C-alpha atoms as a PDB file:
ATOM      1  CA  MET A   1     -25.813  10.382  -4.697  1.00  0.00           C
ATOM      2  CA  LEU A   2     -22.345   9.950  -3.265  1.00  0.00           C
ATOM      3  CA  VAL A   3     -21.793  11.361   0.186  1.00  0.00           C
ATOM      4  CA  ALA A   4     -18.292  11.289   1.593  1.00  0.00           C
ATOM      5  CA  GLU A   5     -16.610  12.930   4.530  1.00  0.00           C
ATOM      6  CA  PRO A   6     -13.115  14.147   3.570  1.00  0.00           C
ATOM      7  CA  SER A   7     -11.777  13.603   7.082  1.00  0.00           C
ATOM      8  CA  ALA A   8     -12.973   9.977   7.002  1.00  0.00           C
ATOM      9  CA  LEU A   9     -11.190   9.446   3.682  1.00  0.00           C
ATOM     10  CA  THR A  10      -8.018  10.976   5.077  1.00  0.00           C
ATOM     11  CA  SER A  11      -8.230   8.780   8.162  1.00  0.00           C
ATOM     12  CA  ALA A  12      -8.779   5.669   6.043  1.00  0.00           C
ATOM     13  CA  ALA A  13      -5.810   6.651   3.869  1.00  0.00           C
ATOM     14  CA  GLY A  14      -3.632   6.771   6.979  1.00  0.00           C
ATOM     15  CA  GLN A  15      -4.723   3.271   7.946  1.00  0.00           C
ATOM     16  CA  VAL A  16      -4.099   1.980   4.426  1.00  0.00           C
ATOM     17  CA  ASP A  17      -0.645   3.581   4.498  1.00  0.00           C
ATOM     18  CA  GLY A  18       0.063   1.695   7.720  1.00  0.00           C
ATOM     19  CA  ILE A  19      -0.958  -1.552   6.067  1.00  0.00           C
ATOM     20  CA  ALA A  20       1.316  -0.794   3.124  1.00  0.00           C
ATOM     21  CA  GLY A  21       4.201  -0.192   5.505  1.00  0.00           C
ATOM     22  CA  THR A  22       3.545  -3.487   7.247  1.00  0.00           C
ATOM     23  CA  LEU A  23       3.483  -5.279   3.896  1.00  0.00           C
ATOM     24  CA  ALA A  24       6.725  -3.627   2.815  1.00  0.00           C
ATOM     25  CA  ASP A  25       8.386  -4.802   6.040  1.00  0.00           C
ATOM     26  CA  VAL A  26       7.399  -8.459   5.608  1.00  0.00           C
ATOM     27  CA  ASP A  27      10.499 -10.636   5.452  1.00  0.00           C
ATOM     28  CA  VAL A  28       9.801 -13.241   2.800  1.00  0.00           C
ATOM     29  CA  ALA A  29      13.455 -14.099   2.146  1.00  0.00           C
ATOM     30  CA  SER A  30      14.484 -15.552   5.533  1.00  0.00           C
ATOM     31  CA  PRO A  31      12.459 -18.765   5.367  1.00  0.00           C
ATOM     32  CA  PHE A  32      13.812 -19.439   1.891  1.00  0.00           C
ATOM     33  CA  ALA A  33      17.369 -18.595   2.987  1.00  0.00           C
ATOM     34  CA  GLU A  34      17.216 -21.201   5.729  1.00  0.00           C
ATOM     35  CA  ALA A  35      16.092 -23.830   3.223  1.00  0.00           C
ATOM     36  CA  ALA A  36      18.749 -22.750   0.723  1.00  0.00           C
ATOM     37  CA  ASP A  37      21.470 -22.919   3.402  1.00  0.00           C
ATOM     38  CA  ALA A  38      20.403 -26.423   4.337  1.00  0.00           C
ATOM     39  CA  LEU A  39      20.669 -27.577   0.728  1.00  0.00           C
ATOM     40  CA  VAL A  40      23.798 -25.709  -0.424  1.00  0.00           C
ATOM     41  CA  GLY A  41      24.708 -26.249  -4.061  1.00  0.00           C
ATOM     42  CA  SER A  42      21.511 -28.060  -4.976  1.00  0.00           C
ATOM     43  CA  GLU A  43      18.907 -26.991  -7.500  1.00  0.00           C
ATOM     44  CA  THR A  44      16.526 -26.590  -4.587  1.00  0.00           C
ATOM     45  CA  SER A  45      18.919 -24.061  -3.077  1.00  0.00           C
ATOM     46  CA  GLN A  46      18.943 -22.091  -6.325  1.00  0.00           C
ATOM     47  CA  ALA A  47      15.166 -22.342  -6.571  1.00  0.00           C
ATOM     48  CA  CYS A  48      14.833 -20.944  -3.039  1.00  0.00           C
ATOM     49  CA  LEU A  49      16.922 -17.935  -4.010  1.00  0.00           C
ATOM     50  CA  TRP A  50      14.914 -17.439  -7.208  1.00  0.00           C
ATOM     51  CA  VAL A  51      11.534 -17.705  -5.453  1.00  0.00           C
ATOM     52  CA  SER A  52      12.499 -15.494  -2.517  1.00  0.00           C
ATOM     53  CA  THR A  53      13.796 -12.763  -4.826  1.00  0.00           C
ATOM     54  CA  ARG A  54      10.671 -12.740  -6.951  1.00  0.00           C
ATOM     55  CA  LEU A  55       8.295 -13.059  -4.026  1.00  0.00           C
ATOM     56  CA  GLY A  56      10.051 -10.206  -2.224  1.00  0.00           C
ATOM     57  CA  ALA A  57       9.764  -8.029  -5.335  1.00  0.00           C
ATOM     58  CA  ALA A  58       6.080  -8.918  -5.734  1.00  0.00           C
ATOM     59  CA  VAL A  59       5.337  -7.993  -2.119  1.00  0.00           C
ATOM     60  CA  GLN A  60       7.084  -4.640  -2.588  1.00  0.00           C
ATOM     61  CA  VAL A  61       5.088  -3.916  -5.750  1.00  0.00           C
ATOM     62  CA  TYR A  62       1.895  -4.819  -3.908  1.00  0.00           C
ATOM     63  CA  ALA A  63       2.826  -2.524  -1.001  1.00  0.00           C
ATOM     64  CA  ASP A  64       3.535   0.301  -3.465  1.00  0.00           C
ATOM     65  CA  ARG A  65       0.135  -0.179  -5.064  1.00  0.00           C
ATOM     66  CA  VAL A  66      -1.561  -0.139  -1.675  1.00  0.00           C
ATOM     67  CA  ARG A  67       0.270   3.149  -0.970  1.00  0.00           C
ATOM     68  CA  ASN A  68      -1.053   4.462  -4.280  1.00  0.00           C
ATOM     69  CA  LEU A  69      -4.582   3.666  -3.077  1.00  0.00           C
ATOM     70  CA  ALA A  70      -3.926   5.656   0.088  1.00  0.00           C
ATOM     71  CA  ASP A  71      -2.631   8.571  -1.971  1.00  0.00           C
ATOM     72  CA  ALA A  72      -5.716   8.411  -4.205  1.00  0.00           C
ATOM     73  CA  ALA A  73      -7.967   8.524  -1.125  1.00  0.00           C
ATOM     74  CA  ARG A  74      -6.095  11.583   0.186  1.00  0.00           C
ATOM     75  CA  LEU A  75      -6.352  13.365  -3.161  1.00  0.00           C
ATOM     76  CA  THR A  76     -10.054  12.548  -3.330  1.00  0.00           C
ATOM     77  CA  ALA A  77     -10.506  14.033   0.138  1.00  0.00           C
ATOM     78  CA  VAL A  78      -8.727  17.214  -0.946  1.00  0.00           C
ATOM     79  CA  ASP A  79     -10.873  17.435  -4.088  1.00  0.00           C
ATOM     80  CA  LEU A  80     -14.057  16.920  -2.080  1.00  0.00           C
ATOM     81  CA  SER A  81     -13.043  19.616   0.393  1.00  0.00           C
ATOM     82  CA  CYS A  82     -12.295  22.057  -2.397  1.00  0.00           C
ATOM     83  CA  THR A  83     -15.569  21.244  -4.132  1.00  0.00           C
ATOM     84  CA  ASP A  84     -17.541  21.622  -0.896  1.00  0.00           C
ATOM     85  CA  ASP A  85     -15.873  24.987  -0.229  1.00  0.00           C
ATOM     86  CA  THR A  86     -16.543  26.217  -3.773  1.00  0.00           C
ATOM     87  CA  VAL A  87     -20.189  25.140  -3.701  1.00  0.00           C
ATOM     88  CA  GLY A  88     -20.574  26.645  -0.241  1.00  0.00           C
ATOM     89  CA  ARG A  89     -19.245  29.996  -1.448  1.00  0.00           C
ATOM     90  CA  SER A  90     -21.515  29.880  -4.495  1.00  0.00           C
ATOM     91  CA  PHE A  91     -24.570  29.404  -2.305  1.00  0.00           C
ATOM     92  CA  GLY A  92     -23.295  31.642   0.468  1.00  0.00           C
ATOM     93  CA  THR A  93     -23.076  28.887   3.080  1.00  0.00           C
ATOM     94  CA  SER A  94     -19.374  29.121   3.891  1.00  0.00           C
END
């Protein structure tokens, strides 16, 4: 039997949202930019730009997916609350 407290799910979702925000704010381009600037015109410079662009995009996608997990937890909490209320009314406990 699954037992879950909607308020705990909502609280966890808030924490996960915070983690997603931190991930989204990570600056992955700066270290690569410094290397690219030091090696202007080289293939390494171009590779730094390529890697930083793709890594930055990957981190953003990951942060978005973490946000989706937080949203799913919130929706689950809402569903559980509604179900608890409905069952409570059916049995006369709410």
